[in-house]
């Protein structure tokens, strides 16, 4: 795992905005092919938990590159329709992905 991705994932808990979700929601982040690039993020109205690997069944799956994920959270890339149409970003639930974006302010 790159240092940039490690720093980004480490910063998720401090970036979390309490109250941004109204019920427990689980996200599976597939950010590459390596085992250390797959993470489960569980959000509740008051907390954010992060675990390596796939834990249970996710409400929303996000598949993109570690580099693009890092850029999105750093604010240097704003996801747009072309990212989805080109396959650079794939998701199982666009509405929940928007809530993830709101929860971390990216």
PDB file of N, CA and C in Angstrom:
ATOM      1  N   UNK A   1       0.856  -1.172   0.000  1.00  0.00           N
ATOM      2  CA  UNK A   1       0.000   0.000   0.000  1.00  0.00           C
ATOM      3  C   UNK A   1       0.898   1.229   0.000  1.00  0.00           C
ATOM      4  N   UNK A   2       0.498   2.216  -0.791  1.00  0.00           N
ATOM      5  CA  UNK A   2       1.284   3.443  -0.849  1.00  0.00           C
ATOM      6  C   UNK A   2       1.126   4.245   0.444  1.00  0.00           C
ATOM      7  N   UNK A   3       2.102   5.070   0.712  1.00  0.00           N
ATOM      8  CA  UNK A   3       2.033   5.918   1.901  1.00  0.00           C
ATOM      9  C   UNK A   3       0.868   6.900   1.794  1.00  0.00           C
ATOM     10  N   UNK A   4       0.602   7.383   0.570  1.00  0.00           N
ATOM     11  CA  UNK A   4      -0.511   8.324   0.376  1.00  0.00           C
ATOM     12  C   UNK A   4      -1.843   7.671   0.733  1.00  0.00           C
ATOM     13  N   UNK A   5      -2.039   6.423   0.322  1.00  0.00           N
ATOM     14  CA  UNK A   5      -3.285   5.730   0.658  1.00  0.00           C
ATOM     15  C   UNK A   5      -3.354   5.481   2.154  1.00  0.00           C
ATOM     16  N   UNK A   6      -2.256   5.066   2.753  1.00  0.00           N
ATOM     17  CA  UNK A   6      -2.225   4.826   4.205  1.00  0.00           C
ATOM     18  C   UNK A   6      -2.613   6.107   4.958  1.00  0.00           C
ATOM     19  N   UNK A   7      -2.034   7.241   4.556  1.00  0.00           N
ATOM     20  CA  UNK A   7      -2.344   8.519   5.201  1.00  0.00           C
ATOM     21  C   UNK A   7      -3.810   8.897   5.015  1.00  0.00           C
ATOM     22  N   UNK A   8      -4.334   8.646   3.814  1.00  0.00           N
ATOM     23  CA  UNK A   8      -5.738   8.960   3.526  1.00  0.00           C
ATOM     24  C   UNK A   8      -6.666   8.126   4.404  1.00  0.00           C
ATOM     25  N   UNK A   9      -6.415   6.823   4.476  1.00  0.00           N
ATOM     26  CA  UNK A   9      -7.253   5.947   5.293  1.00  0.00           C
ATOM     27  C   UNK A   9      -7.138   6.292   6.777  1.00  0.00           C
ATOM     28  N   UNK A  10      -5.922   6.600   7.224  1.00  0.00           N
ATOM     29  CA  UNK A  10      -5.727   6.987   8.627  1.00  0.00           C
ATOM     30  C   UNK A  10      -6.510   8.252   8.968  1.00  0.00           C
ATOM     31  N   UNK A  11      -6.678   9.132   7.995  1.00  0.00           N
ATOM     32  CA  UNK A  11      -7.362  10.399   8.234  1.00  0.00           C
ATOM     33  C   UNK A  11      -8.875  10.334   8.174  1.00  0.00           C
ATOM     34  N   UNK A  12      -9.433   9.192   7.757  1.00  0.00           N
ATOM     35  CA  UNK A  12     -10.888   9.106   7.618  1.00  0.00           C
ATOM     36  C   UNK A  12     -11.617   9.370   8.930  1.00  0.00           C
ATOM     37  N   UNK A  13     -11.134   8.801  10.020  1.00  0.00           N
ATOM     38  CA  UNK A  13     -11.842   8.976  11.301  1.00  0.00           C
ATOM     39  C   UNK A  13     -11.873  10.432  11.740  1.00  0.00           C
ATOM     40  N   UNK A  14     -10.811  11.171  11.497  1.00  0.00           N
ATOM     41  CA  UNK A  14     -10.791  12.579  11.907  1.00  0.00           C
ATOM     42  C   UNK A  14     -11.614  13.450  10.961  1.00  0.00           C
ATOM     43  N   UNK A  15     -11.779  13.003   9.723  1.00  0.00           N
ATOM     44  CA  UNK A  15     -12.574  13.768   8.750  1.00  0.00           C
ATOM     45  C   UNK A  15     -14.069  13.509   8.874  1.00  0.00           C
ATOM     46  N   UNK A  16     -14.440  12.416   9.543  1.00  0.00           N
ATOM     47  CA  UNK A  16     -15.839  12.013   9.631  1.00  0.00           C
ATOM     48  C   UNK A  16     -16.690  13.118  10.247  1.00  0.00           C
ATOM     49  N   UNK A  17     -17.838  13.369   9.630  1.00  0.00           N
ATOM     50  CA  UNK A  17     -18.778  14.382  10.102  1.00  0.00           C
ATOM     51  C   UNK A  17     -19.957  13.680  10.783  1.00  0.00           C
ATOM     52  N   UNK A  18     -19.979  13.674  12.128  1.00  0.00           N
ATOM     53  CA  UNK A  18     -21.104  13.035  12.831  1.00  0.00           C
ATOM     54  C   UNK A  18     -22.443  13.608  12.362  1.00  0.00           C
ATOM     55  N   UNK A  19     -23.429  12.740  12.250  1.00  0.00           N
ATOM     56  CA  UNK A  19     -24.747  13.160  11.811  1.00  0.00           C
ATOM     57  C   UNK A  19     -24.935  13.123  10.303  1.00  0.00           C
ATOM     58  N   UNK A  20     -23.899  12.747   9.565  1.00  0.00           N
ATOM     59  CA  UNK A  20     -24.002  12.739   8.105  1.00  0.00           C
ATOM     60  C   UNK A  20     -24.740  11.501   7.577  1.00  0.00           C
ATOM     61  N   UNK A  21     -24.882  10.481   8.407  1.00  0.00           N
ATOM     62  CA  UNK A  21     -25.715   9.324   8.060  1.00  0.00           C
ATOM     63  C   UNK A  21     -26.746   9.154   9.166  1.00  0.00           C
ATOM     64  N   UNK A  22     -27.910   8.623   8.790  1.00  0.00           N
ATOM     65  CA  UNK A  22     -28.972   8.498   9.786  1.00  0.00           C
ATOM     66  C   UNK A  22     -29.134   7.081  10.326  1.00  0.00           C
ATOM     67  N   UNK A  23     -28.407   6.129   9.744  1.00  0.00           N
ATOM     68  CA  UNK A  23     -28.458   4.750  10.226  1.00  0.00           C
ATOM     69  C   UNK A  23     -27.120   4.089   9.899  1.00  0.00           C
ATOM     70  N   UNK A  24     -26.777   2.992  10.575  1.00  0.00           N
ATOM     71  CA  UNK A  24     -25.519   2.307  10.268  1.00  0.00           C
ATOM     72  C   UNK A  24     -25.455   1.911   8.795  1.00  0.00           C
ATOM     73  N   UNK A  25     -24.352   2.253   8.158  1.00  0.00           N
ATOM     74  CA  UNK A  25     -24.149   1.988   6.735  1.00  0.00           C
ATOM     75  C   UNK A  25     -22.732   1.464   6.541  1.00  0.00           C
ATOM     76  N   UNK A  26     -22.619   0.375   5.784  1.00  0.00           N
ATOM     77  CA  UNK A  26     -21.319  -0.244   5.557  1.00  0.00           C
ATOM     78  C   UNK A  26     -20.894  -0.070   4.104  1.00  0.00           C
ATOM     79  N   UNK A  27     -19.646   0.345   3.918  1.00  0.00           N
ATOM     80  CA  UNK A  27     -19.065   0.542   2.600  1.00  0.00           C
ATOM     81  C   UNK A  27     -17.870  -0.392   2.436  1.00  0.00           C
ATOM     82  N   UNK A  28     -17.797  -1.025   1.286  1.00  0.00           N
ATOM     83  CA  UNK A  28     -16.625  -1.833   0.958  1.00  0.00           C
ATOM     84  C   UNK A  28     -15.830  -1.077  -0.094  1.00  0.00           C
ATOM     85  N   UNK A  29     -14.593  -0.756   0.239  1.00  0.00           N
ATOM     86  CA  UNK A  29     -13.722  -0.010  -0.672  1.00  0.00           C
ATOM     87  C   UNK A  29     -12.731  -0.979  -1.300  1.00  0.00           C
ATOM     88  N   UNK A  30     -12.830  -1.161  -2.602  1.00  0.00           N
ATOM     89  CA  UNK A  30     -11.880  -1.976  -3.350  1.00  0.00           C
ATOM     90  C   UNK A  30     -11.012  -0.998  -4.141  1.00  0.00           C
ATOM     91  N   UNK A  31      -9.801  -0.759  -3.626  1.00  0.00           N
ATOM     92  CA  UNK A  31      -8.944   0.296  -4.169  1.00  0.00           C
ATOM     93  C   UNK A  31      -7.744  -0.259  -4.930  1.00  0.00           C
ATOM     94  N   UNK A  32      -7.799  -1.507  -5.305  1.00  0.00           N
ATOM     95  CA  UNK A  32      -6.719  -2.158  -6.036  1.00  0.00           C
ATOM     96  C   UNK A  32      -6.817  -3.655  -5.863  1.00  0.00           C
ATOM     97  N   UNK A  33      -5.805  -4.362  -6.373  1.00  0.00           N
ATOM     98  CA  UNK A  33      -5.827  -5.823  -6.333  1.00  0.00           C
ATOM     99  C   UNK A  33      -5.180  -6.418  -5.083  1.00  0.00           C
ATOM    100  N   UNK A  34      -4.340  -5.656  -4.414  1.00  0.00           N
ATOM    101  CA  UNK A  34      -3.632  -6.169  -3.243  1.00  0.00           C
ATOM    102  C   UNK A  34      -4.563  -6.260  -2.033  1.00  0.00           C
ATOM    103  N   UNK A  35      -4.334  -7.225  -1.151  1.00  0.00           N
ATOM    104  CA  UNK A  35      -5.179  -7.361   0.048  1.00  0.00           C
ATOM    105  C   UNK A  35      -5.211  -6.098   0.914  1.00  0.00           C
ATOM    106  N   UNK A  36      -4.112  -5.348   0.967  1.00  0.00           N
ATOM    107  CA  UNK A  36      -4.104  -4.146   1.803  1.00  0.00           C
ATOM    108  C   UNK A  36      -4.749  -2.942   1.116  1.00  0.00           C
ATOM    109  N   UNK A  37      -5.375  -3.180  -0.037  1.00  0.00           N
ATOM    110  CA  UNK A  37      -6.109  -2.119  -0.736  1.00  0.00           C
ATOM    111  C   UNK A  37      -7.615  -2.366  -0.712  1.00  0.00           C
ATOM    112  N   UNK A  38      -8.051  -3.228   0.181  1.00  0.00           N
ATOM    113  CA  UNK A  38      -9.472  -3.546   0.341  1.00  0.00           C
ATOM    114  C   UNK A  38      -9.862  -3.279   1.790  1.00  0.00           C
ATOM    115  N   UNK A  39     -10.887  -2.438   1.968  1.00  0.00           N
ATOM    116  CA  UNK A  39     -11.258  -1.972   3.307  1.00  0.00           C
ATOM    117  C   UNK A  39     -12.763  -1.927   3.468  1.00  0.00           C
ATOM    118  N   UNK A  40     -13.207  -2.085   4.694  1.00  0.00           N
ATOM    119  CA  UNK A  40     -14.612  -1.914   5.037  1.00  0.00           C
ATOM    120  C   UNK A  40     -14.723  -0.708   5.964  1.00  0.00           C
ATOM    121  N   UNK A  41     -15.610   0.208   5.598  1.00  0.00           N
ATOM    122  CA  UNK A  41     -15.878   1.399   6.403  1.00  0.00           C
ATOM    123  C   UNK A  41     -17.313   1.289   6.900  1.00  0.00           C
ATOM    124  N   UNK A  42     -17.495   1.369   8.214  1.00  0.00           N
ATOM    125  CA  UNK A  42     -18.830   1.317   8.796  1.00  0.00           C
ATOM    126  C   UNK A  42     -19.117   2.657   9.454  1.00  0.00           C
ATOM    127  N   UNK A  43     -20.172   3.303   8.967  1.00  0.00           N
ATOM    128  CA  UNK A  43     -20.575   4.604   9.503  1.00  0.00           C
ATOM    129  C   UNK A  43     -21.853   4.457  10.298  1.00  0.00           C
ATOM    130  N   UNK A  44     -21.914   5.141  11.426  1.00  0.00           N
ATOM    131  CA  UNK A  44     -23.147   5.277  12.202  1.00  0.00           C
ATOM    132  C   UNK A  44     -23.364   6.782  12.356  1.00  0.00           C
ATOM    133  N   UNK A  45     -24.484   7.206  12.900  1.00  0.00           N
ATOM    134  CA  UNK A  45     -24.675   8.643  13.075  1.00  0.00           C
ATOM    135  C   UNK A  45     -23.585   9.314  13.918  1.00  0.00           C
ATOM    136  N   UNK A  46     -22.883   8.531  14.751  1.00  0.00           N
ATOM    137  CA  UNK A  46     -21.894   9.142  15.652  1.00  0.00           C
ATOM    138  C   UNK A  46     -20.464   8.643  15.477  1.00  0.00           C
ATOM    139  N   UNK A  47     -20.245   7.623  14.624  1.00  0.00           N
ATOM    140  CA  UNK A  47     -18.892   7.066  14.552  1.00  0.00           C
ATOM    141  C   UNK A  47     -18.526   6.560  13.163  1.00  0.00           C
ATOM    142  N   UNK A  48     -17.225   6.344  12.996  1.00  0.00           N
ATOM    143  CA  UNK A  48     -16.658   5.806  11.772  1.00  0.00           C
ATOM    144  C   UNK A  48     -15.658   4.721  12.165  1.00  0.00           C
ATOM    145  N   UNK A  49     -15.860   3.508  11.675  1.00  0.00           N
ATOM    146  CA  UNK A  49     -14.929   2.419  11.938  1.00  0.00           C
ATOM    147  C   UNK A  49     -14.366   1.926  10.617  1.00  0.00           C
ATOM    148  N   UNK A  50     -13.087   1.579  10.643  1.00  0.00           N
ATOM    149  CA  UNK A  50     -12.380   1.132   9.456  1.00  0.00           C
ATOM    150  C   UNK A  50     -11.714  -0.204   9.747  1.00  0.00           C
ATOM    151  N   UNK A  51     -11.906  -1.177   8.842  1.00  0.00           N
ATOM    152  CA  UNK A  51     -11.294  -2.496   9.019  1.00  0.00           C
ATOM    153  C   UNK A  51     -10.744  -2.972   7.679  1.00  0.00           C
ATOM    154  N   UNK A  52      -9.585  -3.578   7.722  1.00  0.00           N
ATOM    155  CA  UNK A  52      -8.995  -4.095   6.497  1.00  0.00           C
ATOM    156  C   UNK A  52      -9.762  -5.313   6.024  1.00  0.00           C
ATOM    157  N   UNK A  53      -9.956  -5.411   4.715  1.00  0.00           N
ATOM    158  CA  UNK A  53     -10.649  -6.547   4.123  1.00  0.00           C
ATOM    159  C   UNK A  53     -12.142  -6.324   4.030  1.00  0.00           C
ATOM    160  N   UNK A  54     -12.830  -7.362   3.583  1.00  0.00           N
ATOM    161  CA  UNK A  54     -14.285  -7.303   3.445  1.00  0.00           C
ATOM    162  C   UNK A  54     -14.915  -7.942   4.666  1.00  0.00           C
ATOM    163  N   UNK A  55     -15.700  -7.158   5.393  1.00  0.00           N
ATOM    164  CA  UNK A  55     -16.356  -7.616   6.612  1.00  0.00           C
ATOM    165  C   UNK A  55     -17.865  -7.670   6.337  1.00  0.00           C
ATOM    166  N   UNK A  56     -18.427  -8.854   6.262  1.00  0.00           N
ATOM    167  CA  UNK A  56     -19.864  -8.995   6.045  1.00  0.00           C
ATOM    168  C   UNK A  56     -20.301  -8.506   4.678  1.00  0.00           C
ATOM    169  N   UNK A  57     -21.568  -8.141   4.597  1.00  0.00           N
ATOM    170  CA  UNK A  57     -22.149  -7.652   3.347  1.00  0.00           C
ATOM    171  C   UNK A  57     -22.257  -6.136   3.411  1.00  0.00           C
ATOM    172  N   UNK A  58     -21.690  -5.482   2.432  1.00  0.00           N
ATOM    173  CA  UNK A  58     -21.698  -4.024   2.405  1.00  0.00           C
ATOM    174  C   UNK A  58     -22.991  -3.491   1.813  1.00  0.00           C
ATOM    175  N   UNK A  59     -23.416  -2.337   2.320  1.00  0.00           N
ATOM    176  CA  UNK A  59     -24.568  -1.644   1.739  1.00  0.00           C
ATOM    177  C   UNK A  59     -24.189  -0.996   0.415  1.00  0.00           C
ATOM    178  N   UNK A  60     -22.913  -0.623   0.292  1.00  0.00           N
ATOM    179  CA  UNK A  60     -22.422   0.052  -0.910  1.00  0.00           C
ATOM    180  C   UNK A  60     -20.992  -0.404  -1.181  1.00  0.00           C
ATOM    181  N   UNK A  61     -20.710  -0.694  -2.440  1.00  0.00           N
ATOM    182  CA  UNK A  61     -19.361  -1.059  -2.868  1.00  0.00           C
ATOM    183  C   UNK A  61     -18.811   0.076  -3.722  1.00  0.00           C
ATOM    184  N   UNK A  62     -17.578   0.469  -3.443  1.00  0.00           N
ATOM    185  CA  UNK A  62     -16.872   1.465  -4.258  1.00  0.00           C
ATOM    186  C   UNK A  62     -15.624   0.799  -4.805  1.00  0.00           C
ATOM    187  N   UNK A  63     -15.506   0.790  -6.116  1.00  0.00           N
ATOM    188  CA  UNK A  63     -14.315   0.224  -6.749  1.00  0.00           C
ATOM    189  C   UNK A  63     -13.667   1.317  -7.598  1.00  0.00           C
ATOM    190  N   UNK A  64     -12.425   1.640  -7.242  1.00  0.00           N
ATOM    191  CA  UNK A  64     -11.645   2.625  -7.979  1.00  0.00           C
ATOM    192  C   UNK A  64     -10.173   2.380  -7.654  1.00  0.00           C
ATOM    193  N   UNK A  65      -9.301   3.156  -8.225  1.00  0.00           N
ATOM    194  CA  UNK A  65      -7.881   2.988  -7.917  1.00  0.00           C
ATOM    195  C   UNK A  65      -7.544   3.705  -6.616  1.00  0.00           C
ATOM    196  N   UNK A  66      -6.508   3.221  -5.958  1.00  0.00           N
ATOM    197  CA  UNK A  66      -6.044   3.870  -4.729  1.00  0.00           C
ATOM    198  C   UNK A  66      -5.637   5.311  -5.023  1.00  0.00           C
ATOM    199  N   UNK A  67      -5.017   5.521  -6.170  1.00  0.00           N
ATOM    200  CA  UNK A  67      -4.569   6.867  -6.548  1.00  0.00           C
ATOM    201  C   UNK A  67      -5.756   7.821  -6.700  1.00  0.00           C
ATOM    202  N   UNK A  68      -6.806   7.379  -7.387  1.00  0.00           N
ATOM    203  CA  UNK A  68      -7.969   8.243  -7.589  1.00  0.00           C
ATOM    204  C   UNK A  68      -8.700   8.494  -6.273  1.00  0.00           C
ATOM    205  N   UNK A  69      -8.826   7.467  -5.426  1.00  0.00           N
ATOM    206  CA  UNK A  69      -9.469   7.631  -4.123  1.00  0.00           C
ATOM    207  C   UNK A  69      -8.720   8.667  -3.288  1.00  0.00           C
ATOM    208  N   UNK A  70      -7.406   8.575  -3.288  1.00  0.00           N
ATOM    209  CA  UNK A  70      -6.568   9.520  -2.542  1.00  0.00           C
ATOM    210  C   UNK A  70      -6.764  10.940  -3.076  1.00  0.00           C
ATOM    211  N   UNK A  71      -6.806  11.077  -4.385  1.00  0.00           N
ATOM    212  CA  UNK A  71      -7.011  12.407  -4.996  1.00  0.00           C
ATOM    213  C   UNK A  71      -8.387  12.976  -4.648  1.00  0.00           C
ATOM    214  N   UNK A  72      -9.411  12.119  -4.637  1.00  0.00           N
ATOM    215  CA  UNK A  72     -10.760  12.590  -4.300  1.00  0.00           C
ATOM    216  C   UNK A  72     -10.804  13.116  -2.874  1.00  0.00           C
ATOM    217  N   UNK A  73     -10.231  12.379  -1.941  1.00  0.00           N
ATOM    218  CA  UNK A  73     -10.261  12.820  -0.553  1.00  0.00           C
ATOM    219  C   UNK A  73      -9.352  14.014  -0.298  1.00  0.00           C
ATOM    220  N   UNK A  74      -8.317  14.166  -1.109  1.00  0.00           N
ATOM    221  CA  UNK A  74      -7.422  15.321  -0.975  1.00  0.00           C
ATOM    222  C   UNK A  74      -8.029  16.569  -1.609  1.00  0.00           C
ATOM    223  N   UNK A  75      -9.098  16.377  -2.387  1.00  0.00           N
ATOM    224  CA  UNK A  75      -9.740  17.516  -3.029  1.00  0.00           C
ATOM    225  C   UNK A  75      -9.116  17.910  -4.354  1.00  0.00           C
ATOM    226  N   UNK A  76      -8.214  17.082  -4.887  1.00  0.00           N
ATOM    227  CA  UNK A  76      -7.586  17.414  -6.170  1.00  0.00           C
ATOM    228  C   UNK A  76      -8.313  16.781  -7.346  1.00  0.00           C
ATOM    229  N   UNK A  77      -9.322  15.959  -7.066  1.00  0.00           N
ATOM    230  CA  UNK A  77     -10.149  15.380  -8.133  1.00  0.00           C
ATOM    231  C   UNK A  77     -11.595  15.340  -7.660  1.00  0.00           C
ATOM    232  N   UNK A  78     -12.475  15.947  -8.430  1.00  0.00           N
ATOM    233  CA  UNK A  78     -13.906  15.904  -8.129  1.00  0.00           C
ATOM    234  C   UNK A  78     -14.542  14.895  -9.082  1.00  0.00           C
ATOM    235  N   UNK A  79     -15.129  13.823  -8.539  1.00  0.00           N
ATOM    236  CA  UNK A  79     -15.710  12.811  -9.415  1.00  0.00           C
ATOM    237  C   UNK A  79     -16.847  13.379 -10.260  1.00  0.00           C
ATOM    238  N   UNK A  80     -16.871  12.969 -11.507  1.00  0.00           N
ATOM    239  CA  UNK A  80     -17.916  13.420 -12.415  1.00  0.00           C
ATOM    240  C   UNK A  80     -18.471  12.263 -13.222  1.00  0.00           C
ATOM    241  N   UNK A  81     -19.470  12.527 -14.054  1.00  0.00           N
ATOM    242  CA  UNK A  81     -20.108  11.468 -14.833  1.00  0.00           C
ATOM    243  C   UNK A  81     -19.137  10.657 -15.689  1.00  0.00           C
ATOM    244  N   UNK A  82     -18.115  11.296 -16.239  1.00  0.00           N
ATOM    245  CA  UNK A  82     -17.164  10.571 -17.087  1.00  0.00           C
ATOM    246  C   UNK A  82     -16.385   9.518 -16.303  1.00  0.00           C
ATOM    247  N   UNK A  83     -16.132   9.767 -15.015  1.00  0.00           N
ATOM    248  CA  UNK A  83     -15.434   8.774 -14.187  1.00  0.00           C
ATOM    249  C   UNK A  83     -16.246   7.484 -14.101  1.00  0.00           C
ATOM    250  N   UNK A  84     -17.551   7.627 -14.033  1.00  0.00           N
ATOM    251  CA  UNK A  84     -18.423   6.456 -13.940  1.00  0.00           C
ATOM    252  C   UNK A  84     -18.604   5.802 -15.308  1.00  0.00           C
ATOM    253  N   UNK A  85     -18.784   6.612 -16.342  1.00  0.00           N
ATOM    254  CA  UNK A  85     -18.998   6.063 -17.681  1.00  0.00           C
ATOM    255  C   UNK A  85     -17.747   5.363 -18.208  1.00  0.00           C
ATOM    256  N   UNK A  86     -16.575   5.847 -17.826  1.00  0.00           N
ATOM    257  CA  UNK A  86     -15.318   5.238 -18.285  1.00  0.00           C
ATOM    258  C   UNK A  86     -14.905   4.043 -17.421  1.00  0.00           C
ATOM    259  N   UNK A  87     -15.582   3.853 -16.290  1.00  0.00           N
ATOM    260  CA  UNK A  87     -15.258   2.738 -15.408  1.00  0.00           C
ATOM    261  C   UNK A  87     -14.165   3.049 -14.404  1.00  0.00           C
ATOM    262  N   UNK A  88     -13.708   4.299 -14.343  1.00  0.00           N
ATOM    263  CA  UNK A  88     -12.686   4.660 -13.357  1.00  0.00           C
ATOM    264  C   UNK A  88     -13.236   4.555 -11.941  1.00  0.00           C
ATOM    265  N   UNK A  89     -14.539   4.790 -11.812  1.00  0.00           N
ATOM    266  CA  UNK A  89     -15.236   4.639 -10.532  1.00  0.00           C
ATOM    267  C   UNK A  89     -16.452   3.757 -10.779  1.00  0.00           C
ATOM    268  N   UNK A  90     -16.582   2.716  -9.960  1.00  0.00           N
ATOM    269  CA  UNK A  90     -17.746   1.836 -10.034  1.00  0.00           C
ATOM    270  C   UNK A  90     -18.363   1.761  -8.645  1.00  0.00           C
ATOM    271  N   UNK A  91     -19.689   1.700  -8.605  1.00  0.00           N
ATOM    272  CA  UNK A  91     -20.378   1.600  -7.322  1.00  0.00           C
ATOM    273  C   UNK A  91     -21.645   0.778  -7.474  1.00  0.00           C
ATOM    274  N   UNK A  92     -22.068   0.214  -6.370  1.00  0.00           N
ATOM    275  CA  UNK A  92     -23.308  -0.556  -6.366  1.00  0.00           C
ATOM    276  C   UNK A  92     -24.508   0.309  -5.992  1.00  0.00           C
ATOM    277  N   UNK A  93     -24.257   1.522  -5.456  1.00  0.00           N
ATOM    278  CA  UNK A  93     -25.344   2.389  -5.011  1.00  0.00           C
ATOM    279  C   UNK A  93     -24.879   3.838  -5.015  1.00  0.00           C
ATOM    280  N   UNK A  94     -25.275   4.566  -6.043  1.00  0.00           N
ATOM    281  CA  UNK A  94     -24.823   5.947  -6.199  1.00  0.00           C
ATOM    282  C   UNK A  94     -25.295   6.849  -5.059  1.00  0.00           C
ATOM    283  N   UNK A  95     -26.521   6.648  -4.584  1.00  0.00           N
ATOM    284  CA  UNK A  95     -27.034   7.476  -3.485  1.00  0.00           C
ATOM    285  C   UNK A  95     -26.199   7.295  -2.216  1.00  0.00           C
ATOM    286  N   UNK A  96     -25.848   6.056  -1.893  1.00  0.00           N
ATOM    287  CA  UNK A  96     -25.030   5.822  -0.702  1.00  0.00           C
ATOM    288  C   UNK A  96     -23.609   6.338  -0.905  1.00  0.00           C
ATOM    289  N   UNK A  97     -23.122   6.293  -2.137  1.00  0.00           N
ATOM    290  CA  UNK A  97     -21.791   6.849  -2.417  1.00  0.00           C
ATOM    291  C   UNK A  97     -21.788   8.358  -2.173  1.00  0.00           C
ATOM    292  N   UNK A  98     -22.876   9.018  -2.522  1.00  0.00           N
ATOM    293  CA  UNK A  98     -22.987  10.454  -2.250  1.00  0.00           C
ATOM    294  C   UNK A  98     -23.002  10.727  -0.748  1.00  0.00           C
ATOM    295  N   UNK A  99     -23.606   9.842   0.029  1.00  0.00           N
ATOM    296  CA  UNK A  99     -23.594   9.999   1.492  1.00  0.00           C
ATOM    297  C   UNK A  99     -22.192   9.807   2.043  1.00  0.00           C
ATOM    298  N   UNK A 100     -21.406   8.906   1.435  1.00  0.00           N
ATOM    299  CA  UNK A 100     -20.019   8.717   1.844  1.00  0.00           C
ATOM    300  C   UNK A 100     -19.223   9.998   1.577  1.00  0.00           C
ATOM    301  N   UNK A 101     -19.477  10.583   0.433  1.00  0.00           N
ATOM    302  CA  UNK A 101     -18.819  11.835   0.066  1.00  0.00           C
ATOM    303  C   UNK A 101     -19.168  12.930   1.080  1.00  0.00           C
ATOM    304  N   UNK A 102     -20.419  13.006   1.470  1.00  0.00           N
ATOM    305  CA  UNK A 102     -20.866  13.993   2.445  1.00  0.00           C
ATOM    306  C   UNK A 102     -20.255  13.726   3.831  1.00  0.00           C
ATOM    307  N   UNK A 103     -20.159  12.440   4.199  1.00  0.00           N
ATOM    308  CA  UNK A 103     -19.652  12.070   5.515  1.00  0.00           C
ATOM    309  C   UNK A 103     -18.197  12.489   5.727  1.00  0.00           C
ATOM    310  N   UNK A 104     -17.435  12.538   4.633  1.00  0.00           N
ATOM    311  CA  UNK A 104     -16.006  12.882   4.757  1.00  0.00           C
ATOM    312  C   UNK A 104     -15.657  14.200   4.076  1.00  0.00           C
ATOM    313  N   UNK A 105     -16.654  14.886   3.542  1.00  0.00           N
ATOM    314  CA  UNK A 105     -16.427  16.214   2.985  1.00  0.00           C
ATOM    315  C   UNK A 105     -15.503  16.253   1.779  1.00  0.00           C
ATOM    316  N   UNK A 106     -15.721  15.342   0.831  1.00  0.00           N
ATOM    317  CA  UNK A 106     -14.914  15.404  -0.399  1.00  0.00           C
ATOM    318  C   UNK A 106     -15.772  15.522  -1.612  1.00  0.00           C
TER     319      UNK A 106
END
